[in-house]
Amino acid sequence: MRTCSAIAGRDFRSFFLFPSGYVVIALFLLGNSIVFMGDVFVQGQPATMRSIFDFDVVLLLFLCPAVTMRSVCEERRLGTLELIAASPASTTSFIVGKFLSALASLIVILLPTLVLVMLLEVYGQPDYGEIASGYLGLLLVGSMYLSSGILASVVSGSQTIAYLLSVFFFVLLSLGREALPGWIGPDAWSVIKPFDPFLRMQDFTIGLVDSSNVLFFILLTSWFLLASIAVLETERRS
């Protein structure tokens, strides 16, 4: 537990030591502000964050891998991964520490957008249950993106490749969901469709917290983390 906390704390602090951390936060807030001013903060529009949450599912898909692409690749490049492998620290503590650090960074990325919620309160009557549900959905979706990014960083020797690997699968599902049914057939699409984070997120944006959606994100996040542990443990023993 102490090792896990030490790794999480070290990585979380390092997030703010590089300009990339501040760039990710700024880009996320900028993107949300543009959507807010253009689609939400308009006279006659309902006081809701739905369009922002829909936008954030896409934006996080590209920003979360930027948070995790260094997680293991950088350790391997600096040679510290070998030192960790030779230490008594468990692989599980290492991966969980990396994930907790990334999750804390995600929370920091989301926090500035609460200013937009305050603006909604000033000029409208927002449904805070719906907003809380939307943020819960973003945390769950973001956790899934982060865990997949950690796995990509484990299996890759390059930060760039880790980033692209993390993004590719979900981009294929999300951006190609209109075309894929015609390419692969309805039967194959019915198997792939439940993995589309956009579809899973839709309930959260309207204030509906479906336990099956929550369980889906938790299980998939856990699977990515367990796969990361298994791959790294194999490397450690070889």
C-alpha atoms as a PDB file:
ATOM      1  CA  MET A   1       0.000   0.000   0.000  1.00  0.00           C
ATOM      2  CA  ARG A   2       2.863   2.373   0.872  1.00  0.00           C
ATOM      3  CA  THR A   3       4.579   1.632  -2.442  1.00  0.00           C
ATOM      4  CA  CYS A   4       1.354   2.235  -4.342  1.00  0.00           C
ATOM      5  CA  SER A   5       0.836   5.596  -2.607  1.00  0.00           C
ATOM      6  CA  ALA A   6       4.451   6.616  -3.230  1.00  0.00           C
ATOM      7  CA  ILE A   7       4.196   5.862  -6.956  1.00  0.00           C
ATOM      8  CA  ALA A   8       0.834   7.627  -7.238  1.00  0.00           C
ATOM      9  CA  GLY A   9       2.108  10.702  -5.397  1.00  0.00           C
ATOM     10  CA  ARG A  10       5.325  10.901  -7.402  1.00  0.00           C
ATOM     11  CA  ASP A  11       3.562  10.596 -10.760  1.00  0.00           C
ATOM     12  CA  PHE A  12       0.818  13.030  -9.786  1.00  0.00           C
ATOM     13  CA  ARG A  13       3.404  15.657  -8.850  1.00  0.00           C
ATOM     14  CA  SER A  14       5.302  15.040 -12.078  1.00  0.00           C
ATOM     15  CA  PHE A  15       2.103  15.765 -14.040  1.00  0.00           C
ATOM     16  CA  PHE A  16       2.561  19.422 -13.070  1.00  0.00           C
ATOM     17  CA  LEU A  17       6.315  19.483 -13.705  1.00  0.00           C
ATOM     18  CA  PHE A  18       5.888  19.243 -17.475  1.00  0.00           C
ATOM     19  CA  PRO A  19       4.120  21.789 -19.716  1.00  0.00           C
ATOM     20  CA  SER A  20       2.029  18.977 -21.209  1.00  0.00           C
ATOM     21  CA  GLY A  21       0.005  18.723 -17.994  1.00  0.00           C
ATOM     22  CA  TYR A  22      -1.022  22.364 -18.118  1.00  0.00           C
ATOM     23  CA  VAL A  23      -1.663  22.120 -21.864  1.00  0.00           C
ATOM     24  CA  VAL A  24      -4.091  19.227 -21.309  1.00  0.00           C
ATOM     25  CA  ILE A  25      -5.960  21.174 -18.603  1.00  0.00           C
ATOM     26  CA  ALA A  26      -6.074  24.323 -20.756  1.00  0.00           C
ATOM     27  CA  LEU A  27      -7.264  22.463 -23.861  1.00  0.00           C
ATOM     28  CA  PHE A  28     -10.018  20.725 -21.927  1.00  0.00           C
ATOM     29  CA  LEU A  29     -11.284  23.956 -20.376  1.00  0.00           C
ATOM     30  CA  LEU A  30     -11.003  25.807 -23.690  1.00  0.00           C
ATOM     31  CA  GLY A  31     -12.962  23.138 -25.557  1.00  0.00           C
ATOM     32  CA  ASN A  32     -15.661  23.080 -22.890  1.00  0.00           C
ATOM     33  CA  SER A  33     -15.883  26.879 -22.860  1.00  0.00           C
ATOM     34  CA  ILE A  34     -16.332  27.030 -26.630  1.00  0.00           C
ATOM     35  CA  VAL A  35     -19.147  24.464 -26.526  1.00  0.00           C
ATOM     36  CA  PHE A  36     -20.695  26.229 -23.531  1.00  0.00           C
ATOM     37  CA  MET A  37     -20.740  29.648 -25.213  1.00  0.00           C
ATOM     38  CA  GLY A  38     -21.886  28.313 -28.562  1.00  0.00           C
ATOM     39  CA  ASP A  39     -24.467  25.734 -27.550  1.00  0.00           C
ATOM     40  CA  VAL A  40     -25.393  26.139 -23.875  1.00  0.00           C
ATOM     41  CA  PHE A  41     -24.987  29.790 -22.924  1.00  0.00           C
ATOM     42  CA  VAL A  42     -27.561  30.940 -25.472  1.00  0.00           C
ATOM     43  CA  GLN A  43     -30.839  32.697 -24.773  1.00  0.00           C
ATOM     44  CA  GLY A  44     -33.737  30.263 -24.828  1.00  0.00           C
ATOM     45  CA  GLN A  45     -31.549  27.177 -24.380  1.00  0.00           C
ATOM     46  CA  PRO A  46     -32.253  24.889 -21.379  1.00  0.00           C
ATOM     47  CA  ALA A  47     -29.811  25.083 -18.459  1.00  0.00           C
ATOM     48  CA  THR A  48     -28.165  21.738 -19.115  1.00  0.00           C
ATOM     49  CA  MET A  49     -24.633  20.398 -19.594  1.00  0.00           C
ATOM     50  CA  ARG A  50     -25.671  17.578 -21.942  1.00  0.00           C
ATOM     51  CA  SER A  51     -23.932  18.904 -25.036  1.00  0.00           C
ATOM     52  CA  ILE A  52     -20.767  19.505 -23.010  1.00  0.00           C
ATOM     53  CA  PHE A  53     -20.768  15.977 -21.615  1.00  0.00           C
ATOM     54  CA  ASP A  54     -21.294  14.558 -25.122  1.00  0.00           C
ATOM     55  CA  PHE A  55     -18.363  16.642 -26.341  1.00  0.00           C
ATOM     56  CA  ASP A  56     -16.180  15.620 -23.394  1.00  0.00           C
ATOM     57  CA  VAL A  57     -16.483  11.917 -24.189  1.00  0.00           C
ATOM     58  CA  VAL A  58     -14.733  12.678 -27.482  1.00  0.00           C
ATOM     59  CA  LEU A  59     -12.259  15.157 -26.011  1.00  0.00           C
ATOM     60  CA  LEU A  60     -11.198  12.840 -23.182  1.00  0.00           C
ATOM     61  CA  LEU A  61     -10.606  10.106 -25.741  1.00  0.00           C
ATOM     62  CA  PHE A  62      -7.724  12.198 -27.081  1.00  0.00           C
ATOM     63  CA  LEU A  63      -6.560  13.831 -23.841  1.00  0.00           C
ATOM     64  CA  CYS A  64      -6.478  10.835 -21.469  1.00  0.00           C
ATOM     65  CA  PRO A  65      -3.862   8.965 -23.537  1.00  0.00           C
ATOM     66  CA  ALA A  66      -1.713  12.111 -23.326  1.00  0.00           C
ATOM     67  CA  VAL A  67      -1.799  11.697 -19.537  1.00  0.00           C
ATOM     68  CA  THR A  68      -0.871   7.995 -19.554  1.00  0.00           C
ATOM     69  CA  MET A  69       1.468   7.630 -22.537  1.00  0.00           C
ATOM     70  CA  ARG A  70       4.484   8.440 -20.326  1.00  0.00           C
ATOM     71  CA  SER A  71       3.423   6.200 -17.448  1.00  0.00           C
ATOM     72  CA  VAL A  72       5.489   3.094 -18.260  1.00  0.00           C
ATOM     73  CA  CYS A  73       7.304   4.103 -21.456  1.00  0.00           C
ATOM     74  CA  GLU A  74       9.212   6.808 -19.585  1.00  0.00           C
ATOM     75  CA  GLU A  75      10.167   4.393 -16.793  1.00  0.00           C
ATOM     76  CA  ARG A  76      11.485   1.979 -19.412  1.00  0.00           C
ATOM     77  CA  ARG A  77      13.377   4.715 -21.278  1.00  0.00           C
ATOM     78  CA  LEU A  78      15.067   5.992 -18.121  1.00  0.00           C
ATOM     79  CA  GLY A  79      15.891   2.470 -16.964  1.00  0.00           C
ATOM     80  CA  THR A  80      13.911   2.821 -13.745  1.00  0.00           C
ATOM     81  CA  LEU A  81      11.531   0.051 -14.795  1.00  0.00           C
ATOM     82  CA  GLU A  82      14.350  -2.467 -14.367  1.00  0.00           C
ATOM     83  CA  LEU A  83      15.068  -1.085 -10.901  1.00  0.00           C
ATOM     84  CA  ILE A  84      11.412  -1.399  -9.968  1.00  0.00           C
ATOM     85  CA  ALA A  85      11.347  -4.952 -11.354  1.00  0.00           C
ATOM     86  CA  ALA A  86      14.301  -5.842  -9.133  1.00  0.00           C
ATOM     87  CA  SER A  87      12.738  -4.245  -6.045  1.00  0.00           C
ATOM     88  CA  PRO A  88      10.346  -5.952  -3.602  1.00  0.00           C
ATOM     89  CA  ALA A  89       7.504  -3.736  -4.866  1.00  0.00           C
ATOM     90  CA  SER A  90       4.745  -5.761  -6.482  1.00  0.00           C
ATOM     91  CA  THR A  91       3.691  -5.245 -10.072  1.00  0.00           C
ATOM     92  CA  THR A  92       0.133  -4.700  -8.857  1.00  0.00           C
ATOM     93  CA  SER A  93       1.229  -1.817  -6.606  1.00  0.00           C
ATOM     94  CA  PHE A  94       3.132  -0.292  -9.518  1.00  0.00           C
ATOM     95  CA  ILE A  95       0.206  -0.407 -11.971  1.00  0.00           C
ATOM     96  CA  VAL A  96      -2.424   0.634  -9.416  1.00  0.00           C
ATOM     97  CA  GLY A  97      -0.200   3.531  -8.366  1.00  0.00           C
ATOM     98  CA  LYS A  98       0.085   4.632 -11.989  1.00  0.00           C
ATOM     99  CA  PHE A  99      -3.694   4.427 -12.398  1.00  0.00           C
ATOM    100  CA  LEU A 100      -4.467   6.361  -9.202  1.00  0.00           C
ATOM    101  CA  SER A 101      -2.083   9.101 -10.283  1.00  0.00           C
ATOM    102  CA  ALA A 102      -3.756   9.324 -13.697  1.00  0.00           C
ATOM    103  CA  LEU A 103      -7.214   9.322 -12.086  1.00  0.00           C
ATOM    104  CA  ALA A 104      -6.213  12.177  -9.767  1.00  0.00           C
ATOM    105  CA  SER A 105      -4.956  14.077 -12.818  1.00  0.00           C
ATOM    106  CA  LEU A 106      -8.301  13.482 -14.542  1.00  0.00           C
ATOM    107  CA  ILE A 107     -10.143  14.959 -11.560  1.00  0.00           C
ATOM    108  CA  VAL A 108      -7.900  18.031 -11.732  1.00  0.00           C
ATOM    109  CA  ILE A 109      -8.674  18.324 -15.454  1.00  0.00           C
ATOM    110  CA  LEU A 110     -12.427  18.196 -14.778  1.00  0.00           C
ATOM    111  CA  LEU A 111     -12.475  20.581 -11.795  1.00  0.00           C
ATOM    112  CA  PRO A 112     -12.123  23.894 -13.712  1.00  0.00           C
ATOM    113  CA  THR A 113     -15.286  23.110 -15.688  1.00  0.00           C
ATOM    114  CA  LEU A 114     -17.309  23.571 -12.490  1.00  0.00           C
ATOM    115  CA  VAL A 115     -17.071  27.285 -13.294  1.00  0.00           C
ATOM    116  CA  LEU A 116     -19.451  26.592 -16.176  1.00  0.00           C
ATOM    117  CA  VAL A 117     -21.896  24.969 -13.770  1.00  0.00           C
ATOM    118  CA  MET A 118     -21.772  28.128 -11.639  1.00  0.00           C
ATOM    119  CA  LEU A 119     -22.594  30.227 -14.701  1.00  0.00           C
ATOM    120  CA  LEU A 120     -25.584  27.989 -15.380  1.00  0.00           C
ATOM    121  CA  GLU A 121     -26.783  28.611 -11.843  1.00  0.00           C
ATOM    122  CA  VAL A 122     -26.547  32.382 -12.342  1.00  0.00           C
ATOM    123  CA  TYR A 123     -28.553  32.432 -15.554  1.00  0.00           C
ATOM    124  CA  GLY A 124     -30.793  29.379 -15.204  1.00  0.00           C
ATOM    125  CA  GLN A 125     -32.026  26.562 -13.008  1.00  0.00           C
ATOM    126  CA  PRO A 126     -29.833  23.542 -13.769  1.00  0.00           C
ATOM    127  CA  ASP A 127     -30.693  20.016 -12.685  1.00  0.00           C
ATOM    128  CA  TYR A 128     -27.833  19.166 -10.335  1.00  0.00           C
ATOM    129  CA  GLY A 129     -28.769  15.496 -10.288  1.00  0.00           C
ATOM    130  CA  GLU A 130     -28.312  15.376 -14.050  1.00  0.00           C
ATOM    131  CA  ILE A 131     -25.032  17.291 -13.804  1.00  0.00           C
ATOM    132  CA  ALA A 132     -23.697  14.974 -11.071  1.00  0.00           C
ATOM    133  CA  SER A 133     -24.677  11.976 -13.203  1.00  0.00           C
ATOM    134  CA  GLY A 134     -22.826  13.476 -16.170  1.00  0.00           C
ATOM    135  CA  TYR A 135     -19.651  14.021 -14.179  1.00  0.00           C
ATOM    136  CA  LEU A 136     -19.868  10.481 -12.803  1.00  0.00           C
ATOM    137  CA  GLY A 137     -20.105   9.242 -16.374  1.00  0.00           C
ATOM    138  CA  LEU A 138     -17.050  11.280 -17.371  1.00  0.00           C
ATOM    139  CA  LEU A 139     -15.059   9.834 -14.473  1.00  0.00           C
ATOM    140  CA  LEU A 140     -16.034   6.305 -15.483  1.00  0.00           C
ATOM    141  CA  VAL A 141     -15.344   6.866 -19.183  1.00  0.00           C
ATOM    142  CA  GLY A 142     -12.101   8.646 -18.338  1.00  0.00           C
ATOM    143  CA  SER A 143     -11.026   5.793 -16.052  1.00  0.00           C
ATOM    144  CA  MET A 144     -11.549   3.364 -18.909  1.00  0.00           C
ATOM    145  CA  TYR A 145      -9.504   5.551 -21.276  1.00  0.00           C
ATOM    146  CA  LEU A 146      -6.742   5.907 -18.670  1.00  0.00           C
ATOM    147  CA  SER A 147      -6.500   2.186 -17.949  1.00  0.00           C
ATOM    148  CA  SER A 148      -6.353   1.385 -21.665  1.00  0.00           C
ATOM    149  CA  GLY A 149      -3.635   4.025 -21.996  1.00  0.00           C
ATOM    150  CA  ILE A 150      -1.606   2.380 -19.244  1.00  0.00           C
ATOM    151  CA  LEU A 151      -1.877  -0.973 -21.036  1.00  0.00           C
ATOM    152  CA  ALA A 152      -0.769   0.676 -24.278  1.00  0.00           C
ATOM    153  CA  SER A 153       2.206   2.191 -22.445  1.00  0.00           C
ATOM    154  CA  VAL A 154       3.110  -1.220 -21.000  1.00  0.00           C
ATOM    155  CA  VAL A 155       3.144  -3.008 -24.358  1.00  0.00           C
ATOM    156  CA  SER A 156       4.782  -0.167 -26.277  1.00  0.00           C
ATOM    157  CA  GLY A 157       8.310   1.169 -26.204  1.00  0.00           C
ATOM    158  CA  SER A 158       7.311   4.562 -27.556  1.00  0.00           C
ATOM    159  CA  GLN A 159       5.098   7.278 -26.114  1.00  0.00           C
ATOM    160  CA  THR A 160       3.767   8.097 -29.577  1.00  0.00           C
ATOM    161  CA  ILE A 161       2.824   4.494 -30.287  1.00  0.00           C
ATOM    162  CA  ALA A 162       1.282   4.181 -26.815  1.00  0.00           C
ATOM    163  CA  TYR A 163      -0.860   7.244 -27.513  1.00  0.00           C
ATOM    164  CA  LEU A 164      -2.012   5.992 -30.909  1.00  0.00           C
ATOM    165  CA  LEU A 165      -2.763   2.486 -29.615  1.00  0.00           C
ATOM    166  CA  SER A 166      -4.865   3.880 -26.789  1.00  0.00           C
ATOM    167  CA  VAL A 167      -6.870   6.120 -29.102  1.00  0.00           C
ATOM    168  CA  PHE A 168      -7.305   3.787 -32.079  1.00  0.00           C
ATOM    169  CA  PHE A 169      -9.704   1.193 -30.656  1.00  0.00           C
ATOM    170  CA  PHE A 170     -12.202   3.674 -29.246  1.00  0.00           C
ATOM    171  CA  VAL A 171     -11.994   5.947 -32.286  1.00  0.00           C
ATOM    172  CA  LEU A 172     -12.813   2.963 -34.467  1.00  0.00           C
ATOM    173  CA  LEU A 173     -15.859   2.177 -32.337  1.00  0.00           C
ATOM    174  CA  SER A 174     -17.088   5.709 -31.784  1.00  0.00           C
ATOM    175  CA  LEU A 175     -16.423   7.457 -35.072  1.00  0.00           C
ATOM    176  CA  GLY A 176     -17.073   4.417 -37.210  1.00  0.00           C
ATOM    177  CA  ARG A 177     -20.281   3.283 -35.537  1.00  0.00           C
ATOM    178  CA  GLU A 178     -22.393   4.557 -38.430  1.00  0.00           C
ATOM    179  CA  ALA A 179     -20.348   2.742 -41.073  1.00  0.00           C
ATOM    180  CA  LEU A 180     -19.253  -0.397 -39.236  1.00  0.00           C
ATOM    181  CA  PRO A 181     -22.654  -2.178 -39.267  1.00  0.00           C
ATOM    182  CA  GLY A 182     -22.626  -2.127 -43.054  1.00  0.00           C
ATOM    183  CA  TRP A 183     -19.036  -3.320 -43.262  1.00  0.00           C
ATOM    184  CA  ILE A 184     -19.015  -6.144 -40.743  1.00  0.00           C
ATOM    185  CA  GLY A 185     -22.695  -7.117 -40.699  1.00  0.00           C
ATOM    186  CA  PRO A 186     -25.377  -6.703 -38.026  1.00  0.00           C
ATOM    187  CA  ASP A 187     -24.407  -9.847 -36.096  1.00  0.00           C
ATOM    188  CA  ALA A 188     -20.791  -8.795 -35.611  1.00  0.00           C
ATOM    189  CA  TRP A 189     -21.867  -5.222 -34.847  1.00  0.00           C
ATOM    190  CA  SER A 190     -24.240  -6.417 -32.128  1.00  0.00           C
ATOM    191  CA  VAL A 191     -21.196  -7.879 -30.353  1.00  0.00           C
ATOM    192  CA  ILE A 192     -19.073  -4.723 -30.718  1.00  0.00           C
ATOM    193  CA  LYS A 193     -21.814  -2.122 -30.151  1.00  0.00           C
ATOM    194  CA  PRO A 194     -21.983  -2.450 -26.326  1.00  0.00           C
ATOM    195  CA  PHE A 195     -18.332  -1.334 -26.124  1.00  0.00           C
ATOM    196  CA  ASP A 196     -19.131   2.076 -27.643  1.00  0.00           C
ATOM    197  CA  PRO A 197     -18.496   4.635 -24.849  1.00  0.00           C
ATOM    198  CA  PHE A 198     -20.770   7.152 -26.569  1.00  0.00           C
ATOM    199  CA  LEU A 199     -23.778   4.874 -26.260  1.00  0.00           C
ATOM    200  CA  ARG A 200     -22.916   4.010 -22.664  1.00  0.00           C
ATOM    201  CA  MET A 201     -22.528   7.688 -21.781  1.00  0.00           C
ATOM    202  CA  GLN A 202     -25.907   8.798 -23.149  1.00  0.00           C
ATOM    203  CA  ASP A 203     -27.812   7.671 -20.060  1.00  0.00           C
ATOM    204  CA  PHE A 204     -25.471   9.587 -17.753  1.00  0.00           C
ATOM    205  CA  THR A 205     -25.991  12.828 -19.687  1.00  0.00           C
ATOM    206  CA  ILE A 206     -29.751  12.747 -19.040  1.00  0.00           C
ATOM    207  CA  GLY A 207     -29.349  11.961 -15.349  1.00  0.00           C
ATOM    208  CA  LEU A 208     -29.909   8.207 -15.556  1.00  0.00           C
ATOM    209  CA  VAL A 209     -27.330   6.177 -13.623  1.00  0.00           C
ATOM    210  CA  ASP A 210     -27.824   2.656 -14.965  1.00  0.00           C
ATOM    211  CA  SER A 211     -26.012   0.055 -12.864  1.00  0.00           C
ATOM    212  CA  SER A 212     -25.222  -1.969 -15.993  1.00  0.00           C
ATOM    213  CA  ASN A 213     -23.358   1.002 -17.475  1.00  0.00           C
ATOM    214  CA  VAL A 214     -21.480   1.611 -14.227  1.00  0.00           C
ATOM    215  CA  LEU A 215     -20.542  -2.070 -14.038  1.00  0.00           C
ATOM    216  CA  PHE A 216     -19.448  -2.058 -17.676  1.00  0.00           C
ATOM    217  CA  PHE A 217     -16.952   0.751 -17.160  1.00  0.00           C
ATOM    218  CA  ILE A 218     -15.659  -0.706 -13.887  1.00  0.00           C
ATOM    219  CA  LEU A 219     -15.172  -4.160 -15.418  1.00  0.00           C
ATOM    220  CA  LEU A 220     -13.486  -2.855 -18.553  1.00  0.00           C
ATOM    221  CA  THR A 221     -11.214  -0.582 -16.522  1.00  0.00           C
ATOM    222  CA  SER A 222     -10.324  -3.529 -14.286  1.00  0.00           C
ATOM    223  CA  TRP A 223      -9.631  -5.722 -17.315  1.00  0.00           C
ATOM    224  CA  PHE A 224      -7.189  -3.200 -18.791  1.00  0.00           C
ATOM    225  CA  LEU A 225      -5.398  -2.899 -15.439  1.00  0.00           C
ATOM    226  CA  LEU A 226      -5.226  -6.668 -14.937  1.00  0.00           C
ATOM    227  CA  ALA A 227      -3.898  -7.078 -18.477  1.00  0.00           C
ATOM    228  CA  SER A 228      -1.242  -4.450 -17.735  1.00  0.00           C
ATOM    229  CA  ILE A 229      -0.236  -6.304 -14.569  1.00  0.00           C
ATOM    230  CA  ALA A 230      -0.072  -9.636 -16.419  1.00  0.00           C
ATOM    231  CA  VAL A 231       2.074  -8.257 -19.258  1.00  0.00           C
ATOM    232  CA  LEU A 232       4.439  -6.449 -16.898  1.00  0.00           C
ATOM    233  CA  GLU A 233       4.706  -9.475 -14.605  1.00  0.00           C
ATOM    234  CA  THR A 234       5.647 -11.637 -17.598  1.00  0.00           C
ATOM    235  CA  GLU A 235       8.304  -9.098 -18.565  1.00  0.00           C
ATOM    236  CA  ARG A 236       9.534  -8.970 -14.985  1.00  0.00           C
ATOM    237  CA  ARG A 237      10.061 -12.739 -14.836  1.00  0.00           C
ATOM    238  CA  SER A 238      11.728 -13.030 -18.227  1.00  0.00           C
END
